[in-house]
Protein backbone atom coordinates (compact mmCIF):
# COMPACT_ATOMS: atom_id res chain seq x y z
CA MET A 1 52.21 161.49 131.37
CA ARG A 2 50.45 159.22 133.85
CA VAL A 3 48.81 157.28 130.98
CA ARG A 4 52.25 156.66 129.41
CA ILE A 5 53.69 155.34 132.67
CA ILE A 6 50.73 153.00 133.15
CA ALA A 7 51.03 151.81 129.53
CA VAL A 8 54.75 151.09 129.94
CA VAL A 9 54.21 149.19 133.21
CA LEU A 10 51.38 147.12 131.68
CA ALA A 11 53.50 146.33 128.63
CA ALA A 12 56.39 145.21 130.84
CA VAL A 13 54.11 142.95 132.87
CA CYS A 14 52.69 141.39 129.70
CA LEU A 15 56.16 140.74 128.27
CA CYS A 16 57.62 139.25 131.45
CA ALA A 17 54.86 136.86 132.46
CA CYS A 18 53.15 133.99 130.77
CA SER A 19 49.50 134.26 129.87
CA ASP A 20 47.41 134.53 133.00
CA GLY A 21 44.59 132.09 132.35
CA GLY A 22 44.07 131.19 135.99
CA GLY A 23 46.25 133.53 137.96
CA ALA A 24 49.27 131.24 137.57
CA LYS A 25 52.89 132.30 137.38
CA PRO A 26 55.47 130.15 135.57
CA CYS A 27 57.25 127.68 137.82
CA GLU A 28 60.99 127.72 138.34
CA VAL A 29 63.01 124.95 136.67
CA ASP A 30 66.65 124.73 137.75
CA GLU A 31 69.18 125.54 135.02
CA LYS A 32 71.19 122.53 136.19
CA PHE A 33 68.13 120.31 135.69
CA ARG A 34 68.61 116.66 136.69
CA ALA A 35 65.81 114.14 137.11
CA ASP A 36 64.82 110.53 136.72
CA VAL A 37 62.42 110.38 133.79
CA THR A 38 60.10 107.74 132.36
CA ILE A 39 59.44 108.43 128.70
CA THR A 40 56.49 106.70 127.04
CA GLN A 41 56.24 106.70 123.26
CA GLY A 42 54.30 104.35 121.01
CA GLY A 43 53.35 102.14 123.96
CA LYS A 44 57.03 101.62 124.91
CA GLU A 45 58.48 102.84 128.17
CA PHE A 46 62.05 104.11 128.56
CA CYS A 47 63.70 105.06 131.87
CA ALA A 48 66.65 107.42 132.03
CA VAL A 49 68.39 110.10 134.03
CA MET A 50 68.02 113.41 132.22
CA CYS A 51 70.65 116.10 132.88
CA ARG A 52 71.25 119.63 131.64
CA ALA A 53 74.83 120.77 132.12
CA ASP A 54 74.45 124.13 130.41
CA ALA A 55 72.32 125.88 127.79
CA ASP A 56 71.64 123.31 125.07
CA VAL A 57 73.96 120.70 126.67
CA TRP A 58 71.98 117.59 127.60
CA GLU A 59 72.58 113.96 128.51
CA LEU A 60 70.14 111.07 128.75
CA ASP A 61 71.49 107.96 130.51
CA PHE A 62 69.07 105.08 129.83
CA SER A 63 68.47 102.23 132.29
CA LYS A 64 65.36 100.55 130.80
CA PRO A 65 64.35 98.62 128.76
CA ASP A 66 67.23 96.15 128.58
CA THR A 67 67.71 96.86 124.86
CA VAL A 68 68.92 100.41 125.61
CA ALA A 69 70.18 100.04 129.20
CA GLY A 70 73.59 101.66 129.40
CA LEU A 71 73.08 103.94 126.38
CA LYS A 72 74.17 107.52 126.95
CA LEU A 73 72.82 110.06 124.53
CA GLY A 74 74.39 113.50 124.65
CA PHE A 75 73.67 116.79 122.92
CA THR A 76 76.37 119.44 122.98
CA GLY A 77 75.89 122.36 120.63
CA SER A 78 75.85 120.94 117.11
CA VAL A 79 77.06 117.44 118.10
CA CYS A 80 75.10 114.38 119.19
CA THR A 81 77.06 111.64 120.97
CA LEU A 82 75.95 108.04 121.45
CA ASP A 83 77.93 105.97 123.95
CA PHE A 84 77.05 102.32 124.48
CA GLU A 85 79.24 99.67 126.15
CA GLY A 86 82.46 101.46 125.23
CA LEU A 87 81.43 102.18 121.65
CA LYS A 88 81.18 105.88 120.93
CA TYR A 89 79.60 107.48 117.89
CA GLU A 90 79.27 111.16 117.05
CA LEU A 91 77.03 112.72 114.49
CA ASP A 92 75.85 116.15 113.52
CA ARG A 93 72.94 117.16 115.72
CA GLY A 94 71.10 118.26 112.60
CA ASP A 95 70.99 114.60 111.54
CA VAL A 96 68.90 113.74 114.62
CA SER A 97 65.18 114.12 113.98
CA GLN A 98 63.73 117.22 115.57
CA TYR A 99 60.77 114.99 116.47
CA SER A 100 62.80 112.37 118.35
CA MET A 101 61.85 111.76 121.98
CA ALA A 102 65.17 113.20 123.14
CA SER A 103 64.90 116.36 121.03
CA LEU A 104 61.32 117.05 122.10
CA CYS A 105 61.76 116.27 125.81
CA CYS A 106 65.01 118.22 126.18
CA GLY A 107 63.59 121.06 124.08
CA ALA A 108 60.49 121.30 126.25
CA VAL A 109 62.51 121.46 129.48
CA GLU A 110 64.83 124.03 127.86
CA GLN A 111 61.77 126.16 127.08
CA LEU A 112 60.41 125.74 130.62
CA ILE A 113 63.75 126.94 132.00
CA SER A 114 63.77 130.02 129.75
CA LYS A 115 60.04 130.70 130.40
CA ARG A 116 59.57 131.95 126.82
CA GLY A 117 56.54 131.28 124.65
CA LEU A 118 54.52 129.69 127.45
CA GLU A 119 50.95 130.06 128.61
CA CYS A 120 50.12 129.26 132.23
CA ARG A 121 47.03 128.32 134.14
CA SER A 122 46.32 126.81 137.53
CA ASP A 123 44.13 123.83 138.24
CA GLY A 124 43.91 123.28 141.99
CA ASP A 125 47.41 122.53 143.30
CA GLU A 126 48.74 122.09 139.77
CA VAL A 127 50.22 124.69 137.45
CA ILE A 128 49.95 123.80 133.78
CA GLU A 129 52.28 125.46 131.29
CA THR A 130 51.75 124.97 127.57
CA GLY A 131 54.23 125.63 124.81
CA GLU A 132 55.59 124.39 121.51
CA VAL A 133 58.83 122.68 120.49
CA ASN A 134 59.69 122.04 116.85
CA GLY A 135 56.05 122.64 115.91
CA GLU A 136 54.79 120.12 118.50
CA GLN A 137 52.49 121.36 121.27
CA PHE A 138 53.22 120.25 124.83
CA GLU A 139 51.66 120.60 128.24
CA ALA A 140 53.87 120.61 131.33
CA VAL A 141 52.29 119.86 134.71
CA PHE A 142 53.82 121.10 137.95
CA ASP A 143 52.70 119.72 141.33
CA ASP A 144 53.55 121.99 144.24
CA GLY A 145 55.99 123.89 141.99
CA LYS A 146 57.84 120.76 140.87
CA LEU A 147 57.77 119.45 137.29
CA SER A 148 55.88 116.15 137.25
CA LYS A 149 55.14 115.52 133.57
CA ILE A 150 55.34 116.81 130.02
CA ASP A 151 52.72 115.54 127.59
CA PHE A 152 52.90 115.93 123.81
CA GLY A 153 49.23 115.18 123.09
CA GLY A 154 49.37 111.61 124.35
CA GLU A 155 51.90 110.59 121.66
CA LEU A 156 54.91 111.23 123.88
CA MET A 157 54.96 111.61 127.66
CA CYS A 158 57.79 112.37 130.07
CA GLU A 159 57.08 111.66 133.75
CA PHE A 160 59.46 112.94 136.42
């Protein structure tokens, strides 16, 4: 009987926590996530405000570079909305590449919020959580419990 209780408790701990590579626990990410983000992809830098209104409801409001300043990109369920200088365009979210910077960055934060499929380790004051979005591996770095960056192998980086 005692062995069964211990086995159940150990199984519950394993299912509820991320992999304990360095004694780290997953960091909390607010469900109403909102942050200034600098996204670097292909040597180009984009600045935006990234907001999560609800599960799978995201908005990116770009301010830099000038070519995209004022563009609002929204994901709501199966719809993607582009709003730029009064022009609004909607398309099926399935038509947006799953490898786009917006899909990957929002997907990674969504996964960090849910704390599913992550491995954690600590490195000094940092907690590093690794996961996968749309087949792409990412590493999220938390400084003092606050998300500071998400790196997709140097190809795409989000800095908060």
